[in-house]
């Protein structure tokens, strides 16, 4: 089982990754139709980054509530 500090450290690493992917998706949208074929890849990576961040936040909340 992870400690609160470990989960906080994980969130600290995941948060910038999610933000970077959000910006990549934003930049891609601004450049459309250039690179339109990468939409699904960038969107999936962005989704995965935010899903991992949300899962870590939920684990932290569960640890804090325990």
PDB file of N, CA and C in Angstrom:
ATOM      1  N   UNK A   1       0.845  -1.186   0.000  1.00  0.00           N
ATOM      2  CA  UNK A   1       0.000   0.000   0.000  1.00  0.00           C
ATOM      3  C   UNK A   1       0.890   1.249   0.000  1.00  0.00           C
ATOM      4  N   UNK A   2       0.492   2.209  -0.765  1.00  0.00           N
ATOM      5  CA  UNK A   2       1.268   3.443  -0.884  1.00  0.00           C
ATOM      6  C   UNK A   2       1.017   4.361   0.297  1.00  0.00           C
ATOM      7  N   UNK A   3       2.041   5.087   0.648  1.00  0.00           N
ATOM      8  CA  UNK A   3       1.880   6.074   1.705  1.00  0.00           C
ATOM      9  C   UNK A   3       1.381   7.374   1.084  1.00  0.00           C
ATOM     10  N   UNK A   4       0.885   8.233   1.936  1.00  0.00           N
ATOM     11  CA  UNK A   4       0.387   9.532   1.471  1.00  0.00           C
ATOM     12  C   UNK A   4       1.498  10.294   0.761  1.00  0.00           C
ATOM     13  N   UNK A   5       2.693  10.247   1.301  1.00  0.00           N
ATOM     14  CA  UNK A   5       3.815  10.970   0.697  1.00  0.00           C
ATOM     15  C   UNK A   5       4.157  10.417  -0.685  1.00  0.00           C
ATOM     16  N   UNK A   6       4.093   9.102  -0.833  1.00  0.00           N
ATOM     17  CA  UNK A   6       4.380   8.487  -2.131  1.00  0.00           C
ATOM     18  C   UNK A   6       3.352   8.897  -3.177  1.00  0.00           C
ATOM     19  N   UNK A   7       2.095   8.919  -2.782  1.00  0.00           N
ATOM     20  CA  UNK A   7       1.042   9.299  -3.720  1.00  0.00           C
ATOM     21  C   UNK A   7       1.146  10.775  -4.065  1.00  0.00           C
ATOM     22  N   UNK A   8       1.469  11.611  -3.088  1.00  0.00           N
ATOM     23  CA  UNK A   8       1.666  13.038  -3.373  1.00  0.00           C
ATOM     24  C   UNK A   8       2.821  13.240  -4.354  1.00  0.00           C
ATOM     25  N   UNK A   9       3.880  12.474  -4.206  1.00  0.00           N
ATOM     26  CA  UNK A   9       5.019  12.562  -5.129  1.00  0.00           C
ATOM     27  C   UNK A   9       4.607  12.116  -6.529  1.00  0.00           C
ATOM     28  N   UNK A  10       3.793  11.075  -6.586  1.00  0.00           N
ATOM     29  CA  UNK A  10       3.299  10.603  -7.883  1.00  0.00           C
ATOM     30  C   UNK A  10       2.444  11.677  -8.557  1.00  0.00           C
ATOM     31  N   UNK A  11       1.571  12.308  -7.778  1.00  0.00           N
ATOM     32  CA  UNK A  11       0.722  13.380  -8.316  1.00  0.00           C
ATOM     33  C   UNK A  11       1.585  14.540  -8.817  1.00  0.00           C
ATOM     34  N   UNK A  12       2.633  14.825  -8.074  1.00  0.00           N
ATOM     35  CA  UNK A  12       3.537  15.909  -8.461  1.00  0.00           C
ATOM     36  C   UNK A  12       4.203  15.628  -9.811  1.00  0.00           C
ATOM     37  N   UNK A  13       4.447  14.361 -10.116  1.00  0.00           N
ATOM     38  CA  UNK A  13       5.031  13.985 -11.402  1.00  0.00           C
ATOM     39  C   UNK A  13       3.970  13.930 -12.508  1.00  0.00           C
ATOM     40  N   UNK A  14       2.782  13.457 -12.157  1.00  0.00           N
ATOM     41  CA  UNK A  14       1.733  13.283 -13.161  1.00  0.00           C
ATOM     42  C   UNK A  14       1.112  14.610 -13.595  1.00  0.00           C
ATOM     43  N   UNK A  15       1.032  15.552 -12.693  1.00  0.00           N
ATOM     44  CA  UNK A  15       0.379  16.819 -12.998  1.00  0.00           C
ATOM     45  C   UNK A  15       1.047  17.580 -14.145  1.00  0.00           C
ATOM     46  N   UNK A  16       2.367  17.754 -14.137  1.00  0.00           N
ATOM     47  CA  UNK A  16       2.989  18.444 -15.274  1.00  0.00           C
ATOM     48  C   UNK A  16       2.840  17.672 -16.591  1.00  0.00           C
ATOM     49  N   UNK A  17       2.857  16.353 -16.500  1.00  0.00           N
ATOM     50  CA  UNK A  17       2.667  15.542 -17.720  1.00  0.00           C
ATOM     51  C   UNK A  17       1.286  15.788 -18.302  1.00  0.00           C
ATOM     52  N   UNK A  18       0.273  15.812 -17.446  1.00  0.00           N
ATOM     53  CA  UNK A  18      -1.089  16.068 -17.916  1.00  0.00           C
ATOM     54  C   UNK A  18      -1.196  17.467 -18.522  1.00  0.00           C
ATOM     55  N   UNK A  19      -0.585  18.431 -17.877  1.00  0.00           N
ATOM     56  CA  UNK A  19      -0.609  19.797 -18.393  1.00  0.00           C
ATOM     57  C   UNK A  19       0.097  19.886 -19.740  1.00  0.00           C
ATOM     58  N   UNK A  20       1.231  19.207 -19.866  1.00  0.00           N
ATOM     59  CA  UNK A  20       1.951  19.199 -21.147  1.00  0.00           C
ATOM     60  C   UNK A  20       1.114  18.577 -22.252  1.00  0.00           C
ATOM     61  N   UNK A  21       0.415  17.502 -21.931  1.00  0.00           N
ATOM     62  CA  UNK A  21      -0.425  16.863 -22.941  1.00  0.00           C
ATOM     63  C   UNK A  21      -1.607  17.750 -23.302  1.00  0.00           C
ATOM     64  N   UNK A  22      -2.147  18.464 -22.333  1.00  0.00           N
ATOM     65  CA  UNK A  22      -3.238  19.403 -22.621  1.00  0.00           C
ATOM     66  C   UNK A  22      -2.759  20.460 -23.606  1.00  0.00           C
ATOM     67  N   UNK A  23      -1.557  20.962 -23.378  1.00  0.00           N
ATOM     68  CA  UNK A  23      -1.008  21.979 -24.273  1.00  0.00           C
ATOM     69  C   UNK A  23      -0.716  21.401 -25.655  1.00  0.00           C
ATOM     70  N   UNK A  24      -0.261  20.161 -25.707  1.00  0.00           N
ATOM     71  CA  UNK A  24      -0.013  19.520 -27.001  1.00  0.00           C
ATOM     72  C   UNK A  24      -1.310  19.379 -27.789  1.00  0.00           C
ATOM     73  N   UNK A  25      -2.374  19.014 -27.089  1.00  0.00           N
ATOM     74  CA  UNK A  25      -3.679  18.893 -27.744  1.00  0.00           C
ATOM     75  C   UNK A  25      -4.171  20.259 -28.210  1.00  0.00           C
ATOM     76  N   UNK A  26      -3.976  21.261 -27.385  1.00  0.00           N
ATOM     77  CA  UNK A  26      -4.359  22.629 -27.742  1.00  0.00           C
ATOM     78  C   UNK A  26      -3.570  23.110 -28.960  1.00  0.00           C
ATOM     79  N   UNK A  27      -2.262  22.896 -28.942  1.00  0.00           N
ATOM     80  CA  UNK A  27      -1.427  23.313 -30.069  1.00  0.00           C
ATOM     81  C   UNK A  27      -1.828  22.597 -31.350  1.00  0.00           C
ATOM     82  N   UNK A  28      -2.126  21.309 -31.231  1.00  0.00           N
ATOM     83  CA  UNK A  28      -2.568  20.551 -32.399  1.00  0.00           C
ATOM     84  C   UNK A  28      -3.850  21.144 -32.967  1.00  0.00           C
ATOM     85  N   UNK A  29      -4.780  21.482 -32.092  1.00  0.00           N
ATOM     86  CA  UNK A  29      -6.053  22.028 -32.564  1.00  0.00           C
ATOM     87  C   UNK A  29      -5.871  23.370 -33.272  1.00  0.00           C
ATOM     88  N   UNK A  30      -4.929  24.158 -32.816  1.00  0.00           N
ATOM     89  CA  UNK A  30      -4.681  25.446 -33.448  1.00  0.00           C
ATOM     90  C   UNK A  30      -4.049  25.303 -34.829  1.00  0.00           C
ATOM     91  N   UNK A  31      -3.312  24.214 -35.041  1.00  0.00           N
ATOM     92  CA  UNK A  31      -2.619  24.014 -36.307  1.00  0.00           C
ATOM     93  C   UNK A  31      -3.423  23.229 -37.334  1.00  0.00           C
ATOM     94  N   UNK A  32      -4.610  22.796 -36.966  1.00  0.00           N
ATOM     95  CA  UNK A  32      -5.414  22.021 -37.918  1.00  0.00           C
ATOM     96  C   UNK A  32      -5.667  22.832 -39.173  1.00  0.00           C
ATOM     97  N   UNK A  33      -5.662  22.220 -40.323  1.00  0.00           N
ATOM     98  CA  UNK A  33      -5.671  20.780 -40.599  1.00  0.00           C
ATOM     99  C   UNK A  33      -4.299  20.131 -40.677  1.00  0.00           C
ATOM    100  N   UNK A  34      -3.245  20.878 -40.427  1.00  0.00           N
ATOM    101  CA  UNK A  34      -1.914  20.278 -40.426  1.00  0.00           C
ATOM    102  C   UNK A  34      -1.855  19.239 -39.305  1.00  0.00           C
ATOM    103  N   UNK A  35      -1.267  18.112 -39.592  1.00  0.00           N
ATOM    104  CA  UNK A  35      -1.102  17.007 -38.634  1.00  0.00           C
ATOM    105  C   UNK A  35      -2.415  16.443 -38.103  1.00  0.00           C
ATOM    106  N   UNK A  36      -3.475  16.562 -38.870  1.00  0.00           N
ATOM    107  CA  UNK A  36      -4.766  16.059 -38.407  1.00  0.00           C
ATOM    108  C   UNK A  36      -4.728  14.564 -38.120  1.00  0.00           C
ATOM    109  N   UNK A  37      -3.797  13.850 -38.742  1.00  0.00           N
ATOM    110  CA  UNK A  37      -3.721  12.397 -38.536  1.00  0.00           C
ATOM    111  C   UNK A  37      -3.219  12.022 -37.144  1.00  0.00           C
ATOM    112  N   UNK A  38      -2.703  12.989 -36.396  1.00  0.00           N
ATOM    113  CA  UNK A  38      -2.210  12.685 -35.047  1.00  0.00           C
ATOM    114  C   UNK A  38      -3.248  12.986 -33.962  1.00  0.00           C
ATOM    115  N   UNK A  39      -4.421  13.414 -34.364  1.00  0.00           N
ATOM    116  CA  UNK A  39      -5.458  13.787 -33.382  1.00  0.00           C
ATOM    117  C   UNK A  39      -5.723  12.646 -32.396  1.00  0.00           C
ATOM    118  N   UNK A  40      -5.970  11.453 -32.892  1.00  0.00           N
ATOM    119  CA  UNK A  40      -6.331  10.341 -32.012  1.00  0.00           C
ATOM    120  C   UNK A  40      -5.183   9.971 -31.065  1.00  0.00           C
ATOM    121  N   UNK A  41      -3.963  10.020 -31.557  1.00  0.00           N
ATOM    122  CA  UNK A  41      -2.818   9.678 -30.720  1.00  0.00           C
ATOM    123  C   UNK A  41      -2.641  10.688 -29.596  1.00  0.00           C
ATOM    124  N   UNK A  42      -2.666  11.964 -29.939  1.00  0.00           N
ATOM    125  CA  UNK A  42      -2.481  13.012 -28.933  1.00  0.00           C
ATOM    126  C   UNK A  42      -3.652  13.015 -27.952  1.00  0.00           C
ATOM    127  N   UNK A  43      -4.861  12.832 -28.463  1.00  0.00           N
ATOM    128  CA  UNK A  43      -6.033  12.801 -27.588  1.00  0.00           C
ATOM    129  C   UNK A  43      -5.959  11.624 -26.617  1.00  0.00           C
ATOM    130  N   UNK A  44      -5.544  10.462 -27.082  1.00  0.00           N
ATOM    131  CA  UNK A  44      -5.431   9.275 -26.216  1.00  0.00           C
ATOM    132  C   UNK A  44      -4.362   9.487 -25.154  1.00  0.00           C
ATOM    133  N   UNK A  45      -3.218  10.061 -25.543  1.00  0.00           N
ATOM    134  CA  UNK A  45      -2.162  10.327 -24.572  1.00  0.00           C
ATOM    135  C   UNK A  45      -2.628  11.342 -23.522  1.00  0.00           C
ATOM    136  N   UNK A  46      -3.390  12.333 -23.962  1.00  0.00           N
ATOM    137  CA  UNK A  46      -3.928  13.331 -23.030  1.00  0.00           C
ATOM    138  C   UNK A  46      -4.925  12.676 -22.079  1.00  0.00           C
ATOM    139  N   UNK A  47      -5.807  11.870 -22.624  1.00  0.00           N
ATOM    140  CA  UNK A  47      -6.788  11.147 -21.809  1.00  0.00           C
ATOM    141  C   UNK A  47      -6.087  10.270 -20.778  1.00  0.00           C
ATOM    142  N   UNK A  48      -5.094   9.523 -21.220  1.00  0.00           N
ATOM    143  CA  UNK A  48      -4.366   8.625 -20.313  1.00  0.00           C
ATOM    144  C   UNK A  48      -3.659   9.398 -19.198  1.00  0.00           C
ATOM    145  N   UNK A  49      -3.085  10.538 -19.545  1.00  0.00           N
ATOM    146  CA  UNK A  49      -2.389  11.352 -18.543  1.00  0.00           C
ATOM    147  C   UNK A  49      -3.367  11.847 -17.481  1.00  0.00           C
ATOM    148  N   UNK A  50      -4.522  12.328 -17.914  1.00  0.00           N
ATOM    149  CA  UNK A  50      -5.505  12.817 -16.943  1.00  0.00           C
ATOM    150  C   UNK A  50      -6.159  11.681 -16.170  1.00  0.00           C
ATOM    151  N   UNK A  51      -6.322  10.525 -16.795  1.00  0.00           N
ATOM    152  CA  UNK A  51      -6.877   9.367 -16.076  1.00  0.00           C
ATOM    153  C   UNK A  51      -5.924   8.923 -14.971  1.00  0.00           C
ATOM    154  N   UNK A  52      -4.635   8.895 -15.268  1.00  0.00           N
ATOM    155  CA  UNK A  52      -3.646   8.514 -14.257  1.00  0.00           C
ATOM    156  C   UNK A  52      -3.612   9.529 -13.124  1.00  0.00           C
ATOM    157  N   UNK A  53      -3.689  10.805 -13.466  1.00  0.00           N
ATOM    158  CA  UNK A  53      -3.695  11.856 -12.448  1.00  0.00           C
ATOM    159  C   UNK A  53      -4.932  11.745 -11.560  1.00  0.00           C
ATOM    160  N   UNK A  54      -6.085  11.535 -12.162  1.00  0.00           N
ATOM    161  CA  UNK A  54      -7.314  11.409 -11.383  1.00  0.00           C
ATOM    162  C   UNK A  54      -7.275  10.173 -10.484  1.00  0.00           C
ATOM    163  N   UNK A  55      -6.745   9.073 -10.976  1.00  0.00           N
ATOM    164  CA  UNK A  55      -6.636   7.858 -10.168  1.00  0.00           C
ATOM    165  C   UNK A  55      -5.731   8.093  -8.966  1.00  0.00           C
ATOM    166  N   UNK A  56      -4.636   8.780  -9.180  1.00  0.00           N
ATOM    167  CA  UNK A  56      -3.724   9.085  -8.073  1.00  0.00           C
ATOM    168  C   UNK A  56      -4.398  10.002  -7.057  1.00  0.00           C
ATOM    169  N   UNK A  57      -5.140  10.975  -7.524  1.00  0.00           N
ATOM    170  CA  UNK A  57      -5.860  11.871  -6.612  1.00  0.00           C
ATOM    171  C   UNK A  57      -6.897  11.106  -5.791  1.00  0.00           C
ATOM    172  N   UNK A  58      -7.557  10.150  -6.416  1.00  0.00           N
ATOM    173  CA  UNK A  58      -8.539   9.344  -5.683  1.00  0.00           C
ATOM    174  C   UNK A  58      -7.854   8.462  -4.642  1.00  0.00           C
ATOM    175  N   UNK A  59      -6.675   7.905  -4.994  1.00  0.00           N
ATOM    176  CA  UNK A  59      -5.929   7.115  -4.018  1.00  0.00           C
ATOM    177  C   UNK A  59      -5.495   7.981  -2.837  1.00  0.00           C
ATOM    178  N   UNK A  60      -5.070   9.200  -3.124  1.00  0.00           N
ATOM    179  CA  UNK A  60      -4.669  10.112  -2.052  1.00  0.00           C
ATOM    180  C   UNK A  60      -5.852  10.427  -1.143  1.00  0.00           C
ATOM    181  N   UNK A  61      -6.990  10.690  -1.732  1.00  0.00           N
ATOM    182  CA  UNK A  61      -8.178  10.993  -0.926  1.00  0.00           C
ATOM    183  C   UNK A  61      -8.547   9.796  -0.041  1.00  0.00           C
ATOM    184  N   UNK A  62      -8.462   8.609  -0.598  1.00  0.00           N
ATOM    185  CA  UNK A  62      -8.787   7.407   0.176  1.00  0.00           C
ATOM    186  C   UNK A  62      -7.808   7.239   1.330  1.00  0.00           C
ATOM    187  N   UNK A  63      -6.536   7.497   1.083  1.00  0.00           N
ATOM    188  CA  UNK A  63      -5.533   7.385   2.152  1.00  0.00           C
ATOM    189  C   UNK A  63      -5.761   8.444   3.225  1.00  0.00           C
ATOM    190  N   UNK A  64      -6.107   9.647   2.822  1.00  0.00           N
ATOM    191  CA  UNK A  64      -6.333  10.721   3.790  1.00  0.00           C
ATOM    192  C   UNK A  64      -7.597  10.487   4.607  1.00  0.00           C
ATOM    193  N   UNK A  65      -8.596   9.851   3.988  1.00  0.00           N
ATOM    194  CA  UNK A  65      -9.859   9.591   4.695  1.00  0.00           C
ATOM    195  C   UNK A  65      -9.757   8.381   5.617  1.00  0.00           C
ATOM    196  N   UNK A  66      -8.750   7.544   5.393  1.00  0.00           N
ATOM    197  CA  UNK A  66      -8.616   6.317   6.201  1.00  0.00           C
ATOM    198  C   UNK A  66      -8.074   6.613   7.584  1.00  0.00           C
TER     199      UNK A  66
END
